[in-house]
Amino acid sequence: MHNLLKEDGFLVTYCAKGVVKRTMKEVGFEIVVLDGPPGKRQMTRANKFISQK
């Protein structure tokens, strides 16, 4: 997904598992933990910035 995503793009998921966040970080995403909607505690946003190639 990182390779297919446009520069400055982002991916959002309800998955908050540590292994998922660590893997996303390893491939080059910056991870941001957000408050989730009603019924969910957290959401994860993975940002891809121009400086990460």
PDB file of N, CA and C in Angstrom:
ATOM      1  N   MET A   1       0.814  -1.186   0.000  1.00  0.00           N
ATOM      2  CA  MET A   1       0.000   0.000   0.000  1.00  0.00           C
ATOM      3  C   MET A   1       0.861   1.254   0.000  1.00  0.00           C
ATOM      4  N   HIS A   2       1.965   1.212   0.726  1.00  0.00           N
ATOM      5  CA  HIS A   2       2.848   2.374   0.791  1.00  0.00           C
ATOM      6  C   HIS A   2       3.339   2.753  -0.602  1.00  0.00           C
ATOM      7  N   ASN A   3       3.732   1.763  -1.383  1.00  0.00           N
ATOM      8  CA  ASN A   3       4.248   2.039  -2.732  1.00  0.00           C
ATOM      9  C   ASN A   3       3.171   2.558  -3.672  1.00  0.00           C
ATOM     10  N   LEU A   4       1.932   2.159  -3.487  1.00  0.00           N
ATOM     11  CA  LEU A   4       0.848   2.572  -4.367  1.00  0.00           C
ATOM     12  C   LEU A   4       0.246   3.921  -3.995  1.00  0.00           C
ATOM     13  N   LEU A   5       0.420   4.328  -2.743  1.00  0.00           N
ATOM     14  CA  LEU A   5      -0.172   5.568  -2.253  1.00  0.00           C
ATOM     15  C   LEU A   5       0.582   6.776  -2.804  1.00  0.00           C
ATOM     16  N   LYS A   6      -0.153   7.796  -3.215  1.00  0.00           N
ATOM     17  CA  LYS A   6       0.464   9.025  -3.711  1.00  0.00           C
ATOM     18  C   LYS A   6       1.197   9.735  -2.580  1.00  0.00           C
ATOM     19  N   GLU A   7       2.190  10.560  -2.953  1.00  0.00           N
ATOM     20  CA  GLU A   7       2.914  11.364  -1.977  1.00  0.00           C
ATOM     21  C   GLU A   7       1.921  12.240  -1.214  1.00  0.00           C
ATOM     22  N   ASP A   8       2.149  12.425   0.050  1.00  0.00           N
ATOM     23  CA  ASP A   8       1.282  13.179   0.954  1.00  0.00           C
ATOM     24  C   ASP A   8      -0.086  12.521   1.152  1.00  0.00           C
ATOM     25  N   GLY A   9      -0.216  11.259   0.753  1.00  0.00           N
ATOM     26  CA  GLY A   9      -1.453  10.523   0.966  1.00  0.00           C
ATOM     27  C   GLY A   9      -1.502   9.952   2.374  1.00  0.00           C
ATOM     28  N   PHE A  10      -2.658   9.421   2.741  1.00  0.00           N
ATOM     29  CA  PHE A  10      -2.780   8.801   4.048  1.00  0.00           C
ATOM     30  C   PHE A  10      -3.763   7.644   3.994  1.00  0.00           C
ATOM     31  N   LEU A  11      -3.610   6.754   4.945  1.00  0.00           N
ATOM     32  CA  LEU A  11      -4.440   5.566   5.076  1.00  0.00           C
ATOM     33  C   LEU A  11      -5.037   5.590   6.471  1.00  0.00           C
ATOM     34  N   VAL A  12      -6.337   5.351   6.598  1.00  0.00           N
ATOM     35  CA  VAL A  12      -6.992   5.351   7.906  1.00  0.00           C
ATOM     36  C   VAL A  12      -7.628   3.985   8.131  1.00  0.00           C
ATOM     37  N   THR A  13      -7.465   3.451   9.356  1.00  0.00           N
ATOM     38  CA  THR A  13      -8.040   2.161   9.706  1.00  0.00           C
ATOM     39  C   THR A  13      -8.498   2.179  11.155  1.00  0.00           C
ATOM     40  N   TYR A  14      -9.468   1.340  11.475  1.00  0.00           N
ATOM     41  CA  TYR A  14      -9.899   1.174  12.862  1.00  0.00           C
ATOM     42  C   TYR A  14      -8.970   0.229  13.607  1.00  0.00           C
ATOM     43  N   CYS A  15      -8.083  -0.433  12.910  1.00  0.00           N
ATOM     44  CA  CYS A  15      -7.160  -1.367  13.548  1.00  0.00           C
ATOM     45  C   CYS A  15      -6.170  -0.587  14.412  1.00  0.00           C
ATOM     46  N   ALA A  16      -6.064  -0.975  15.675  1.00  0.00           N
ATOM     47  CA  ALA A  16      -5.158  -0.285  16.595  1.00  0.00           C
ATOM     48  C   ALA A  16      -4.133  -1.249  17.188  1.00  0.00           C
ATOM     49  N   LYS A  17      -3.998  -2.436  16.620  1.00  0.00           N
ATOM     50  CA  LYS A  17      -3.050  -3.423  17.135  1.00  0.00           C
ATOM     51  C   LYS A  17      -1.623  -2.929  16.947  1.00  0.00           C
ATOM     52  N   GLY A  18      -0.803  -3.180  17.951  1.00  0.00           N
ATOM     53  CA  GLY A  18       0.581  -2.741  17.922  1.00  0.00           C
ATOM     54  C   GLY A  18       1.368  -3.290  16.755  1.00  0.00           C
ATOM     55  N   VAL A  19       1.154  -4.566  16.432  1.00  0.00           N
ATOM     56  CA  VAL A  19       1.910  -5.175  15.333  1.00  0.00           C
ATOM     57  C   VAL A  19       1.587  -4.487  14.004  1.00  0.00           C
ATOM     58  N   VAL A  20       0.351  -4.068  13.821  1.00  0.00           N
ATOM     59  CA  VAL A  20      -0.031  -3.381  12.579  1.00  0.00           C
ATOM     60  C   VAL A  20       0.639  -2.014  12.517  1.00  0.00           C
ATOM     61  N   LYS A  21       0.606  -1.279  13.621  1.00  0.00           N
ATOM     62  CA  LYS A  21       1.225   0.048  13.648  1.00  0.00           C
ATOM     63  C   LYS A  21       2.740  -0.034  13.472  1.00  0.00           C
ATOM     64  N   ARG A  22       3.371  -1.020  14.105  1.00  0.00           N
ATOM     65  CA  ARG A  22       4.833  -1.174  13.954  1.00  0.00           C
ATOM     66  C   ARG A  22       5.199  -1.525  12.514  1.00  0.00           C
ATOM     67  N   THR A  23       4.422  -2.391  11.887  1.00  0.00           N
ATOM     68  CA  THR A  23       4.697  -2.785  10.501  1.00  0.00           C
ATOM     69  C   THR A  23       4.526  -1.597   9.562  1.00  0.00           C
ATOM     70  N   MET A  24       3.469  -0.809   9.769  1.00  0.00           N
ATOM     71  CA  MET A  24       3.259   0.376   8.934  1.00  0.00           C
ATOM     72  C   MET A  24       4.427   1.354   9.087  1.00  0.00           C
ATOM     73  N   LYS A  25       4.916   1.500  10.303  1.00  0.00           N
ATOM     74  CA  LYS A  25       6.052   2.394  10.548  1.00  0.00           C
ATOM     75  C   LYS A  25       7.313   1.873   9.865  1.00  0.00           C
ATOM     76  N   GLU A  26       7.524   0.555   9.894  1.00  0.00           N
ATOM     77  CA  GLU A  26       8.703  -0.051   9.264  1.00  0.00           C
ATOM     78  C   GLU A  26       8.754   0.196   7.764  1.00  0.00           C
ATOM     79  N   VAL A  27       7.598   0.208   7.096  1.00  0.00           N
ATOM     80  CA  VAL A  27       7.592   0.402   5.646  1.00  0.00           C
ATOM     81  C   VAL A  27       7.611   1.869   5.244  1.00  0.00           C
ATOM     82  N   GLY A  28       7.579   2.791   6.231  1.00  0.00           N
ATOM     83  CA  GLY A  28       7.758   4.192   5.897  1.00  0.00           C
ATOM     84  C   GLY A  28       6.620   5.133   6.237  1.00  0.00           C
ATOM     85  N   PHE A  29       5.554   4.631   6.837  1.00  0.00           N
ATOM     86  CA  PHE A  29       4.462   5.516   7.231  1.00  0.00           C
ATOM     87  C   PHE A  29       4.780   6.208   8.552  1.00  0.00           C
ATOM     88  N   GLU A  30       4.260   7.412   8.735  1.00  0.00           N
ATOM     89  CA  GLU A  30       4.239   8.063  10.042  1.00  0.00           C
ATOM     90  C   GLU A  30       2.880   7.722  10.644  1.00  0.00           C
ATOM     91  N   ILE A  31       2.858   7.223  11.867  1.00  0.00           N
ATOM     92  CA  ILE A  31       1.632   6.751  12.503  1.00  0.00           C
ATOM     93  C   ILE A  31       1.083   7.815  13.444  1.00  0.00           C
ATOM     94  N   VAL A  32      -0.227   8.059  13.340  1.00  0.00           N
ATOM     95  CA  VAL A  32      -0.932   8.980  14.228  1.00  0.00           C
ATOM     96  C   VAL A  32      -2.120   8.223  14.811  1.00  0.00           C
ATOM     97  N   VAL A  33      -2.236   8.222  16.136  1.00  0.00           N
ATOM     98  CA  VAL A  33      -3.370   7.569  16.797  1.00  0.00           C
ATOM     99  C   VAL A  33      -4.437   8.628  17.050  1.00  0.00           C
ATOM    100  N   LEU A  34      -5.656   8.350  16.590  1.00  0.00           N
ATOM    101  CA  LEU A  34      -6.778   9.280  16.716  1.00  0.00           C
ATOM    102  C   LEU A  34      -7.865   8.674  17.584  1.00  0.00           C
ATOM    103  N   ASP A  35      -8.681   9.522  18.184  1.00  0.00           N
ATOM    104  CA  ASP A  35      -9.857   9.028  18.896  1.00  0.00           C
ATOM    105  C   ASP A  35     -10.809   8.413  17.884  1.00  0.00           C
ATOM    106  N   GLY A  36     -11.421   7.309  18.258  1.00  0.00           N
ATOM    107  CA  GLY A  36     -12.348   6.630  17.366  1.00  0.00           C
ATOM    108  C   GLY A  36     -13.754   7.191  17.458  1.00  0.00           C
ATOM    109  N   PRO A  37     -14.607   6.788  16.533  1.00  0.00           N
ATOM    110  CA  PRO A  37     -16.011   7.194  16.565  1.00  0.00           C
ATOM    111  C   PRO A  37     -16.731   6.436  17.690  1.00  0.00           C
ATOM    112  N   PRO A  38     -17.981   6.732  17.947  1.00  0.00           N
ATOM    113  CA  PRO A  38     -18.713   5.990  18.986  1.00  0.00           C
ATOM    114  C   PRO A  38     -18.630   4.478  18.753  1.00  0.00           C
ATOM    115  N   GLY A  39     -18.267   3.758  19.793  1.00  0.00           N
ATOM    116  CA  GLY A  39     -18.138   2.307  19.694  1.00  0.00           C
ATOM    117  C   GLY A  39     -16.720   1.840  19.425  1.00  0.00           C
ATOM    118  N   LYS A  40     -15.828   2.751  19.092  1.00  0.00           N
ATOM    119  CA  LYS A  40     -14.422   2.415  18.837  1.00  0.00           C
ATOM    120  C   LYS A  40     -13.554   3.328  19.696  1.00  0.00           C
ATOM    121  N   ARG A  41     -12.521   2.764  20.307  1.00  0.00           N
ATOM    122  CA  ARG A  41     -11.649   3.586  21.145  1.00  0.00           C
ATOM    123  C   ARG A  41     -10.676   4.401  20.322  1.00  0.00           C
ATOM    124  N   GLN A  42     -10.066   3.768  19.314  1.00  0.00           N
ATOM    125  CA  GLN A  42      -9.019   4.438  18.551  1.00  0.00           C
ATOM    126  C   GLN A  42      -9.135   4.154  17.069  1.00  0.00           C
ATOM    127  N   MET A  43      -8.525   5.036  16.300  1.00  0.00           N
ATOM    128  CA  MET A  43      -8.302   4.833  14.873  1.00  0.00           C
ATOM    129  C   MET A  43      -6.823   5.089  14.629  1.00  0.00           C
ATOM    130  N   THR A  44      -6.305   4.525  13.568  1.00  0.00           N
ATOM    131  CA  THR A  44      -4.906   4.734  13.203  1.00  0.00           C
ATOM    132  C   THR A  44      -4.854   5.396  11.843  1.00  0.00           C
ATOM    133  N   ARG A  45      -4.106   6.496  11.749  1.00  0.00           N
ATOM    134  CA  ARG A  45      -3.878   7.149  10.463  1.00  0.00           C
ATOM    135  C   ARG A  45      -2.406   6.998  10.134  1.00  0.00           C
ATOM    136  N   ALA A  46      -2.127   6.523   8.932  1.00  0.00           N
ATOM    137  CA  ALA A  46      -0.748   6.343   8.462  1.00  0.00           C
ATOM    138  C   ALA A  46      -0.502   7.361   7.353  1.00  0.00           C
ATOM    139  N   ASN A  47       0.428   8.271   7.581  1.00  0.00           N
ATOM    140  CA  ASN A  47       0.743   9.342   6.630  1.00  0.00           C
ATOM    141  C   ASN A  47       1.982   8.988   5.809  1.00  0.00           C
ATOM    142  N   LYS A  48       1.926   9.301   4.526  1.00  0.00           N
ATOM    143  CA  LYS A  48       3.092   9.154   3.647  1.00  0.00           C
ATOM    144  C   LYS A  48       3.494  10.533   3.188  1.00  0.00           C
ATOM    145  N   PHE A  49       4.688  10.950   3.603  1.00  0.00           N
ATOM    146  CA  PHE A  49       5.158  12.289   3.260  1.00  0.00           C
ATOM    147  C   PHE A  49       6.225  12.216   2.181  1.00  0.00           C
ATOM    148  N   ILE A  50       6.423  13.331   1.487  1.00  0.00           N
ATOM    149  CA  ILE A  50       7.382  13.425   0.392  1.00  0.00           C
ATOM    150  C   ILE A  50       8.791  13.036   0.858  1.00  0.00           C
ATOM    151  N   SER A  51       9.160  13.389   2.079  1.00  0.00           N
ATOM    152  CA  SER A  51      10.510  13.108   2.563  1.00  0.00           C
ATOM    153  C   SER A  51      10.749  11.613   2.774  1.00  0.00           C
ATOM    154  N   GLN A  52       9.700  10.798   2.768  1.00  0.00           N
ATOM    155  CA  GLN A  52       9.840   9.352   2.955  1.00  0.00           C
ATOM    156  C   GLN A  52       9.725   8.669   1.601  1.00  0.00           C
ATOM    157  N   LYS A  53      10.843   8.271   1.042  1.00  0.00           N
ATOM    158  CA  LYS A  53      10.826   7.593  -0.265  1.00  0.00           C
ATOM    159  C   LYS A  53      11.486   6.259  -0.158  1.00  0.00           C
TER     160      LYS A  53
END
